[in-house]
Amino acid sequence: QVQLVESGGGLVQPGGSLRLSCVASGFMFSAYAMGWYRQAPGKQRELVARISSENTNYADSVKGRFAISRDNAKNTLYLQMNSLKPEDTALYYCNAYRGLTWLWGQGTQVTVSS
């Protein structure tokens, strides 16, 4: 069964940090490019960061604050989020893609508020 399971979300104060994890199963994790997306209430889902064998990319809004990484031995994707801002509040989704195949997790909520 193909699964992406996110964890690590929560409530954090502005300026704080969180580390999201996404554990993959049911497919060849190392063969897929991976990414994190987020969706805030009333807004479209947007790319936060993605990582492939060739490079990593970040949304301008998170450059210098977030870092994406992966551990292929553990079938796990990470997103280290530092210097969090209220505008980072959203449901964060893990994504795996290869060609026309796109896989999604259920999401983990990140709320940045004092």
Protein backbone atom coordinates (compact mmCIF):
# COMPACT_ATOMS: atom_id res chain seq x y z
CA GLN A 1 0.00 0.00 0.00
CA VAL A 2 1.40 3.35 -1.04
CA GLN A 3 1.55 5.76 1.88
CA LEU A 4 3.04 9.08 2.86
CA VAL A 5 2.60 9.86 6.55
CA GLU A 6 3.53 13.30 7.85
CA SER A 7 4.26 14.20 11.46
CA GLY A 8 5.88 16.96 13.49
CA GLY A 9 3.38 19.74 13.12
CA GLY A 10 2.01 21.72 16.02
CA LEU A 11 1.61 25.11 17.63
CA VAL A 12 4.74 27.24 17.88
CA GLN A 13 5.43 30.88 18.72
CA PRO A 14 6.79 33.27 16.11
CA GLY A 15 10.52 32.82 15.78
CA GLY A 16 10.33 29.20 16.84
CA SER A 17 11.27 26.02 15.00
CA LEU A 18 9.64 22.77 13.96
CA ARG A 19 10.85 19.73 12.09
CA LEU A 20 8.40 17.91 9.89
CA SER A 21 8.88 14.30 8.87
CA CYS A 22 7.28 12.23 6.14
CA VAL A 23 7.65 8.46 6.15
CA ALA A 24 7.05 6.76 2.81
CA SER A 25 6.05 3.18 2.14
CA GLY A 26 4.81 1.04 -0.71
CA PHE A 27 7.00 2.51 -3.45
CA MET A 28 10.68 3.03 -4.31
CA PHE A 29 11.29 6.17 -2.30
CA SER A 30 14.79 6.81 -3.62
CA ALA A 31 13.53 6.91 -7.21
CA TYR A 32 11.10 9.74 -6.56
CA ALA A 33 11.63 13.45 -6.27
CA MET A 34 10.05 14.69 -3.05
CA GLY A 35 8.53 17.91 -1.91
CA TRP A 36 6.66 19.79 0.77
CA TYR A 37 3.59 21.85 -0.07
CA ARG A 38 1.32 23.89 2.16
CA GLN A 39 -2.19 25.21 2.05
CA ALA A 40 -3.53 27.98 4.24
CA PRO A 41 -7.27 28.52 4.72
CA GLY A 42 -8.77 30.19 1.68
CA LYS A 43 -5.59 29.90 -0.34
CA GLN A 44 -4.26 27.56 -3.00
CA ARG A 45 -1.78 24.85 -2.21
CA GLU A 46 1.74 26.11 -2.84
CA LEU A 47 5.17 24.58 -3.16
CA VAL A 48 7.42 25.08 -0.13
CA ALA A 49 10.46 23.04 -1.12
CA ARG A 50 11.41 20.06 -3.21
CA ILE A 51 14.41 17.80 -3.52
CA SER A 52 15.57 15.53 -6.27
CA SER A 53 18.80 13.75 -7.09
CA GLU A 54 19.92 16.87 -8.97
CA ASN A 55 18.96 19.80 -6.80
CA THR A 56 16.76 21.41 -4.19
CA ASN A 57 14.36 24.32 -4.67
CA TYR A 58 12.61 26.62 -2.22
CA ALA A 59 9.81 29.11 -2.38
CA ASP A 60 11.16 32.63 -2.03
CA SER A 61 9.13 33.09 1.15
CA VAL A 62 11.04 30.34 2.99
CA LYS A 63 14.57 30.66 1.58
CA GLY A 64 17.13 30.92 4.34
CA ARG A 65 14.64 29.71 6.98
CA PHE A 66 13.59 26.22 5.85
CA ALA A 67 15.72 23.25 4.84
CA ILE A 68 14.51 20.13 3.06
CA SER A 69 16.39 16.85 3.33
CA ARG A 70 15.84 13.16 2.83
CA ASP A 71 17.16 9.89 4.21
CA ASN A 72 16.70 7.23 1.55
CA ALA A 73 17.78 4.48 3.95
CA LYS A 74 14.85 5.39 6.20
CA ASN A 75 12.40 6.29 3.41
CA THR A 76 11.92 9.61 5.16
CA LEU A 77 11.66 13.21 4.04
CA TYR A 78 12.26 16.12 6.41
CA LEU A 79 11.56 19.82 6.56
CA GLN A 80 13.43 21.84 9.14
CA MET A 81 11.59 25.10 9.70
CA ASN A 82 13.30 27.92 11.59
CA SER A 83 12.35 31.52 12.32
CA LEU A 84 8.71 30.67 11.82
CA LYS A 85 6.26 33.44 11.04
CA PRO A 86 2.48 33.64 11.44
CA GLU A 87 2.19 33.53 7.65
CA ASP A 88 3.75 30.06 7.71
CA THR A 89 0.56 28.78 9.32
CA ALA A 90 -0.89 26.11 7.03
CA LEU A 91 -1.53 22.44 6.49
CA TYR A 92 1.74 20.99 5.23
CA TYR A 93 1.67 18.12 2.76
CA CYS A 94 4.35 15.67 1.74
CA ASN A 95 4.55 14.93 -1.99
CA ALA A 96 6.34 12.32 -4.08
CA TYR A 97 6.50 12.60 -7.84
CA ARG A 98 8.01 10.74 -10.75
CA GLY A 99 6.87 11.43 -14.26
CA LEU A 100 3.07 11.52 -14.23
CA THR A 101 2.81 9.87 -10.81
CA TRP A 102 2.05 12.22 -7.94
CA LEU A 103 1.52 10.94 -4.41
CA TRP A 104 0.24 12.93 -1.42
CA GLY A 105 0.09 12.53 2.32
CA GLN A 106 -2.79 13.64 4.53
CA GLY A 107 -0.98 16.67 5.89
CA THR A 108 0.20 17.95 9.23
CA GLN A 109 -0.97 21.25 10.69
CA VAL A 110 1.52 23.98 11.53
CA THR A 111 0.23 26.96 13.48
CA VAL A 112 2.48 29.90 14.28
CA SER A 113 0.93 32.15 16.88
CA SER A 114 1.72 33.89 20.13
